[in-house]
């Protein structure tokens, strides 16, 4: 319990520093966290005997870095996003075709899911910070997540009988 409290305090201090430093710091932090999350997601898939395309997952994090540095949201058109998704799918299907059986369609689908689940959803942290008064909304996101996790932990400790 003591370790959890110390970890939580360290995380709060780190978040406060990153939020205080502004948009670029949050964007860079989100980029680094996305790289770590893609790695962890891929390792979890490997334990399930799948073969995600790690390099593609890491490359898919690069738009987060660009989003942190440049405010490109108003400049992006729906057609450009559609072309990007099409190119993404084309490259991944070429990986299946030219990998001599190393990757299956399931591996590619799971890689795409990882990109959506990690990179796309992480992008909303940066986009939220880029909003007017976004530094306040960031706190709402993290306080909400911490509150629900804390409530779930104490509920499990008080009425839980069997560990998952």
C-alpha atoms as a PDB file:
ATOM      1  CA  UNK A   1       0.000   0.000   0.000  1.00  0.00           C
ATOM      2  CA  UNK A   2       2.859   2.356   0.871  1.00  0.00           C
ATOM      3  CA  UNK A   3       4.483   1.752  -2.539  1.00  0.00           C
ATOM      4  CA  UNK A   4       1.222   2.600  -4.305  1.00  0.00           C
ATOM      5  CA  UNK A   5       0.924   5.904  -2.466  1.00  0.00           C
ATOM      6  CA  UNK A   6       4.526   6.853  -3.233  1.00  0.00           C
ATOM      7  CA  UNK A   7       4.042   5.905  -6.909  1.00  0.00           C
ATOM      8  CA  UNK A   8       0.839   7.930  -7.099  1.00  0.00           C
ATOM      9  CA  UNK A   9       2.492  10.990  -5.574  1.00  0.00           C
ATOM     10  CA  UNK A  10       5.419  10.713  -7.990  1.00  0.00           C
ATOM     11  CA  UNK A  11       2.995  10.410 -10.920  1.00  0.00           C
ATOM     12  CA  UNK A  12       1.026  13.468  -9.763  1.00  0.00           C
ATOM     13  CA  UNK A  13       4.194  15.554  -9.443  1.00  0.00           C
ATOM     14  CA  UNK A  14       5.415  14.416 -12.868  1.00  0.00           C
ATOM     15  CA  UNK A  15       2.024  15.188 -14.437  1.00  0.00           C
ATOM     16  CA  UNK A  16       1.967  18.620 -12.790  1.00  0.00           C
ATOM     17  CA  UNK A  17       5.401  19.429 -14.204  1.00  0.00           C
ATOM     18  CA  UNK A  18       4.458  18.237 -17.704  1.00  0.00           C
ATOM     19  CA  UNK A  19       1.151  20.147 -17.688  1.00  0.00           C
ATOM     20  CA  UNK A  20       2.907  23.260 -16.408  1.00  0.00           C
ATOM     21  CA  UNK A  21       5.519  23.067 -19.187  1.00  0.00           C
ATOM     22  CA  UNK A  22       2.742  23.286 -21.776  1.00  0.00           C
ATOM     23  CA  UNK A  23       1.588  21.833 -25.066  1.00  0.00           C
ATOM     24  CA  UNK A  24       4.885  20.605 -26.426  1.00  0.00           C
ATOM     25  CA  UNK A  25       5.858  18.869 -23.174  1.00  0.00           C
ATOM     26  CA  UNK A  26       2.517  17.058 -23.037  1.00  0.00           C
ATOM     27  CA  UNK A  27       2.853  16.086 -26.681  1.00  0.00           C
ATOM     28  CA  UNK A  28       6.350  14.710 -26.139  1.00  0.00           C
ATOM     29  CA  UNK A  29       5.236  12.843 -23.012  1.00  0.00           C
ATOM     30  CA  UNK A  30       2.292  11.336 -24.915  1.00  0.00           C
ATOM     31  CA  UNK A  31       4.660  10.312 -27.719  1.00  0.00           C
ATOM     32  CA  UNK A  32       7.002   8.527 -25.290  1.00  0.00           C
ATOM     33  CA  UNK A  33       4.088   6.870 -23.483  1.00  0.00           C
ATOM     34  CA  UNK A  34       2.638   5.706 -26.809  1.00  0.00           C
ATOM     35  CA  UNK A  35       5.966   4.100 -27.756  1.00  0.00           C
ATOM     36  CA  UNK A  36       6.052   2.280 -24.431  1.00  0.00           C
ATOM     37  CA  UNK A  37       2.401   1.250 -24.756  1.00  0.00           C
ATOM     38  CA  UNK A  38       2.901  -0.074 -28.313  1.00  0.00           C
ATOM     39  CA  UNK A  39       5.827  -2.142 -27.046  1.00  0.00           C
ATOM     40  CA  UNK A  40       3.802  -3.524 -24.133  1.00  0.00           C
ATOM     41  CA  UNK A  41       0.809  -4.224 -26.383  1.00  0.00           C
ATOM     42  CA  UNK A  42       3.037  -6.085 -28.834  1.00  0.00           C
ATOM     43  CA  UNK A  43       4.675  -8.120 -26.078  1.00  0.00           C
ATOM     44  CA  UNK A  44       1.245  -9.093 -24.742  1.00  0.00           C
ATOM     45  CA  UNK A  45       0.265 -10.266 -28.232  1.00  0.00           C
ATOM     46  CA  UNK A  46       3.479 -12.279 -28.510  1.00  0.00           C
ATOM     47  CA  UNK A  47       2.609 -14.070 -25.271  1.00  0.00           C
ATOM     48  CA  UNK A  48      -0.607 -15.042 -27.045  1.00  0.00           C
ATOM     49  CA  UNK A  49       1.499 -16.482 -29.923  1.00  0.00           C
ATOM     50  CA  UNK A  50       0.784 -13.642 -32.349  1.00  0.00           C
ATOM     51  CA  UNK A  51       3.384 -11.673 -34.292  1.00  0.00           C
ATOM     52  CA  UNK A  52       2.586  -7.952 -34.370  1.00  0.00           C
ATOM     53  CA  UNK A  53       4.587  -5.706 -36.676  1.00  0.00           C
ATOM     54  CA  UNK A  54       6.501  -3.729 -34.045  1.00  0.00           C
ATOM     55  CA  UNK A  55       8.221  -1.399 -36.494  1.00  0.00           C
ATOM     56  CA  UNK A  56       4.895  -0.332 -37.925  1.00  0.00           C
ATOM     57  CA  UNK A  57       3.564   0.344 -34.435  1.00  0.00           C
ATOM     58  CA  UNK A  58       6.537   2.543 -33.626  1.00  0.00           C
ATOM     59  CA  UNK A  59       6.284   4.417 -36.925  1.00  0.00           C
ATOM     60  CA  UNK A  60       2.586   5.014 -36.291  1.00  0.00           C
ATOM     61  CA  UNK A  61       3.566   7.002 -33.176  1.00  0.00           C
ATOM     62  CA  UNK A  62       5.362   9.652 -35.257  1.00  0.00           C
ATOM     63  CA  UNK A  63       2.187  11.650 -36.012  1.00  0.00           C
ATOM     64  CA  UNK A  64       1.844  12.146 -32.253  1.00  0.00           C
ATOM     65  CA  UNK A  65       5.228  13.837 -32.256  1.00  0.00           C
ATOM     66  CA  UNK A  66       4.213  16.064 -35.137  1.00  0.00           C
ATOM     67  CA  UNK A  67       0.916  16.840 -33.425  1.00  0.00           C
ATOM     68  CA  UNK A  68       2.874  17.933 -30.350  1.00  0.00           C
ATOM     69  CA  UNK A  69       5.050  20.313 -32.310  1.00  0.00           C
ATOM     70  CA  UNK A  70       2.614  21.653 -34.880  1.00  0.00           C
ATOM     71  CA  UNK A  71      -1.035  22.433 -34.382  1.00  0.00           C
ATOM     72  CA  UNK A  72      -2.177  20.592 -37.525  1.00  0.00           C
ATOM     73  CA  UNK A  73      -5.736  19.684 -36.599  1.00  0.00           C
ATOM     74  CA  UNK A  74      -7.444  22.600 -38.384  1.00  0.00           C
ATOM     75  CA  UNK A  75      -5.266  22.031 -41.459  1.00  0.00           C
ATOM     76  CA  UNK A  76      -6.114  18.342 -41.845  1.00  0.00           C
ATOM     77  CA  UNK A  77      -8.901  17.492 -44.232  1.00  0.00           C
ATOM     78  CA  UNK A  78     -10.966  14.345 -44.172  1.00  0.00           C
ATOM     79  CA  UNK A  79      -9.544  13.338 -47.567  1.00  0.00           C
ATOM     80  CA  UNK A  80      -5.970  13.452 -46.229  1.00  0.00           C
ATOM     81  CA  UNK A  81      -6.935  11.234 -43.292  1.00  0.00           C
ATOM     82  CA  UNK A  82      -8.667   8.777 -45.639  1.00  0.00           C
ATOM     83  CA  UNK A  83      -5.589   8.644 -47.883  1.00  0.00           C
ATOM     84  CA  UNK A  84      -3.385   8.046 -44.837  1.00  0.00           C
ATOM     85  CA  UNK A  85      -5.564   5.150 -43.648  1.00  0.00           C
ATOM     86  CA  UNK A  86      -5.587   3.688 -47.160  1.00  0.00           C
ATOM     87  CA  UNK A  87      -1.787   3.842 -47.348  1.00  0.00           C
ATOM     88  CA  UNK A  88      -1.539   2.283 -43.908  1.00  0.00           C
ATOM     89  CA  UNK A  89      -3.704  -0.652 -44.956  1.00  0.00           C
ATOM     90  CA  UNK A  90      -1.842  -1.056 -48.244  1.00  0.00           C
ATOM     91  CA  UNK A  91       1.547  -1.206 -46.530  1.00  0.00           C
ATOM     92  CA  UNK A  92       0.340  -3.707 -43.954  1.00  0.00           C
ATOM     93  CA  UNK A  93      -1.199  -5.985 -46.561  1.00  0.00           C
ATOM     94  CA  UNK A  94       2.055  -5.835 -48.520  1.00  0.00           C
ATOM     95  CA  UNK A  95       3.795  -6.998 -45.349  1.00  0.00           C
ATOM     96  CA  UNK A  96       1.515 -10.050 -45.326  1.00  0.00           C
ATOM     97  CA  UNK A  97       2.124 -10.755 -49.010  1.00  0.00           C
ATOM     98  CA  UNK A  98       5.895 -10.364 -48.956  1.00  0.00           C
ATOM     99  CA  UNK A  99       6.797 -11.772 -45.540  1.00  0.00           C
ATOM    100  CA  UNK A 100       6.883 -15.416 -46.713  1.00  0.00           C
ATOM    101  CA  UNK A 101       4.378 -16.490 -44.095  1.00  0.00           C
ATOM    102  CA  UNK A 102       6.040 -14.689 -41.194  1.00  0.00           C
ATOM    103  CA  UNK A 103       2.943 -12.551 -40.642  1.00  0.00           C
ATOM    104  CA  UNK A 104      -0.679 -13.583 -41.008  1.00  0.00           C
ATOM    105  CA  UNK A 105      -3.748 -11.468 -41.640  1.00  0.00           C
ATOM    106  CA  UNK A 106      -4.559 -11.868 -37.929  1.00  0.00           C
ATOM    107  CA  UNK A 107      -1.178 -10.399 -36.993  1.00  0.00           C
ATOM    108  CA  UNK A 108      -1.843  -7.418 -39.254  1.00  0.00           C
ATOM    109  CA  UNK A 109      -5.346  -6.938 -37.855  1.00  0.00           C
ATOM    110  CA  UNK A 110      -3.989  -6.980 -34.312  1.00  0.00           C
ATOM    111  CA  UNK A 111      -1.264  -4.508 -35.285  1.00  0.00           C
ATOM    112  CA  UNK A 112      -3.919  -2.179 -36.702  1.00  0.00           C
ATOM    113  CA  UNK A 113      -5.999  -2.572 -33.568  1.00  0.00           C
ATOM    114  CA  UNK A 114      -2.953  -1.683 -31.481  1.00  0.00           C
ATOM    115  CA  UNK A 115      -2.369   1.453 -33.542  1.00  0.00           C
ATOM    116  CA  UNK A 116      -5.987   2.467 -33.047  1.00  0.00           C
ATOM    117  CA  UNK A 117      -6.144   1.480 -29.391  1.00  0.00           C
ATOM    118  CA  UNK A 118      -2.867   3.079 -28.373  1.00  0.00           C
ATOM    119  CA  UNK A 119      -1.860   5.799 -30.818  1.00  0.00           C
ATOM    120  CA  UNK A 120      -5.239   7.121 -31.920  1.00  0.00           C
ATOM    121  CA  UNK A 121      -6.673   7.229 -28.410  1.00  0.00           C
ATOM    122  CA  UNK A 122      -3.481   8.735 -26.939  1.00  0.00           C
ATOM    123  CA  UNK A 123      -3.711  11.524 -29.512  1.00  0.00           C
ATOM    124  CA  UNK A 124      -6.757  12.868 -27.707  1.00  0.00           C
ATOM    125  CA  UNK A 125      -4.620  13.812 -24.707  1.00  0.00           C
ATOM    126  CA  UNK A 126      -2.550  16.114 -26.922  1.00  0.00           C
ATOM    127  CA  UNK A 127      -5.629  17.373 -28.740  1.00  0.00           C
ATOM    128  CA  UNK A 128      -7.353  18.077 -25.430  1.00  0.00           C
ATOM    129  CA  UNK A 129      -4.344  20.070 -24.241  1.00  0.00           C
ATOM    130  CA  UNK A 130      -4.387  22.064 -27.471  1.00  0.00           C
ATOM    131  CA  UNK A 131      -7.948  23.241 -26.767  1.00  0.00           C
ATOM    132  CA  UNK A 132      -8.706  26.553 -25.157  1.00  0.00           C
ATOM    133  CA  UNK A 133      -8.234  25.998 -21.395  1.00  0.00           C
ATOM    134  CA  UNK A 134      -6.913  22.542 -22.255  1.00  0.00           C
ATOM    135  CA  UNK A 135      -4.528  22.573 -19.302  1.00  0.00           C
ATOM    136  CA  UNK A 136      -7.605  22.361 -17.054  1.00  0.00           C
ATOM    137  CA  UNK A 137      -9.269  19.598 -19.091  1.00  0.00           C
ATOM    138  CA  UNK A 138      -6.132  17.469 -18.819  1.00  0.00           C
ATOM    139  CA  UNK A 139      -6.553  17.497 -15.053  1.00  0.00           C
ATOM    140  CA  UNK A 140     -10.165  16.343 -15.419  1.00  0.00           C
ATOM    141  CA  UNK A 141      -9.047  13.382 -17.519  1.00  0.00           C
ATOM    142  CA  UNK A 142      -6.432  12.219 -15.022  1.00  0.00           C
ATOM    143  CA  UNK A 143      -8.409  12.955 -11.865  1.00  0.00           C
ATOM    144  CA  UNK A 144     -11.335  10.980 -13.306  1.00  0.00           C
ATOM    145  CA  UNK A 145      -9.092   8.040 -14.142  1.00  0.00           C
ATOM    146  CA  UNK A 146      -7.378   8.085 -10.754  1.00  0.00           C
ATOM    147  CA  UNK A 147     -10.670   8.402  -8.889  1.00  0.00           C
ATOM    148  CA  UNK A 148     -12.216   5.398 -10.628  1.00  0.00           C
ATOM    149  CA  UNK A 149      -9.055   3.320 -10.171  1.00  0.00           C
ATOM    150  CA  UNK A 150      -8.841   4.238  -6.504  1.00  0.00           C
ATOM    151  CA  UNK A 151     -12.517   3.447  -5.948  1.00  0.00           C
ATOM    152  CA  UNK A 152     -12.116   0.098  -7.720  1.00  0.00           C
ATOM    153  CA  UNK A 153      -9.047  -0.733  -5.630  1.00  0.00           C
ATOM    154  CA  UNK A 154     -10.697   0.035  -2.299  1.00  0.00           C
ATOM    155  CA  UNK A 155     -13.885  -1.741  -3.345  1.00  0.00           C
ATOM    156  CA  UNK A 156     -11.836  -4.806  -4.219  1.00  0.00           C
ATOM    157  CA  UNK A 157      -9.946  -4.670  -0.931  1.00  0.00           C
ATOM    158  CA  UNK A 158     -13.103  -4.268   1.146  1.00  0.00           C
ATOM    159  CA  UNK A 159     -15.555  -6.666  -0.565  1.00  0.00           C
ATOM    160  CA  UNK A 160     -13.466  -8.659  -3.009  1.00  0.00           C
ATOM    161  CA  UNK A 161     -12.793 -12.294  -2.184  1.00  0.00           C
ATOM    162  CA  UNK A 162     -11.177 -13.834  -5.257  1.00  0.00           C
ATOM    163  CA  UNK A 163      -8.385 -12.182  -7.248  1.00  0.00           C
ATOM    164  CA  UNK A 164      -8.933 -11.999 -10.978  1.00  0.00           C
END
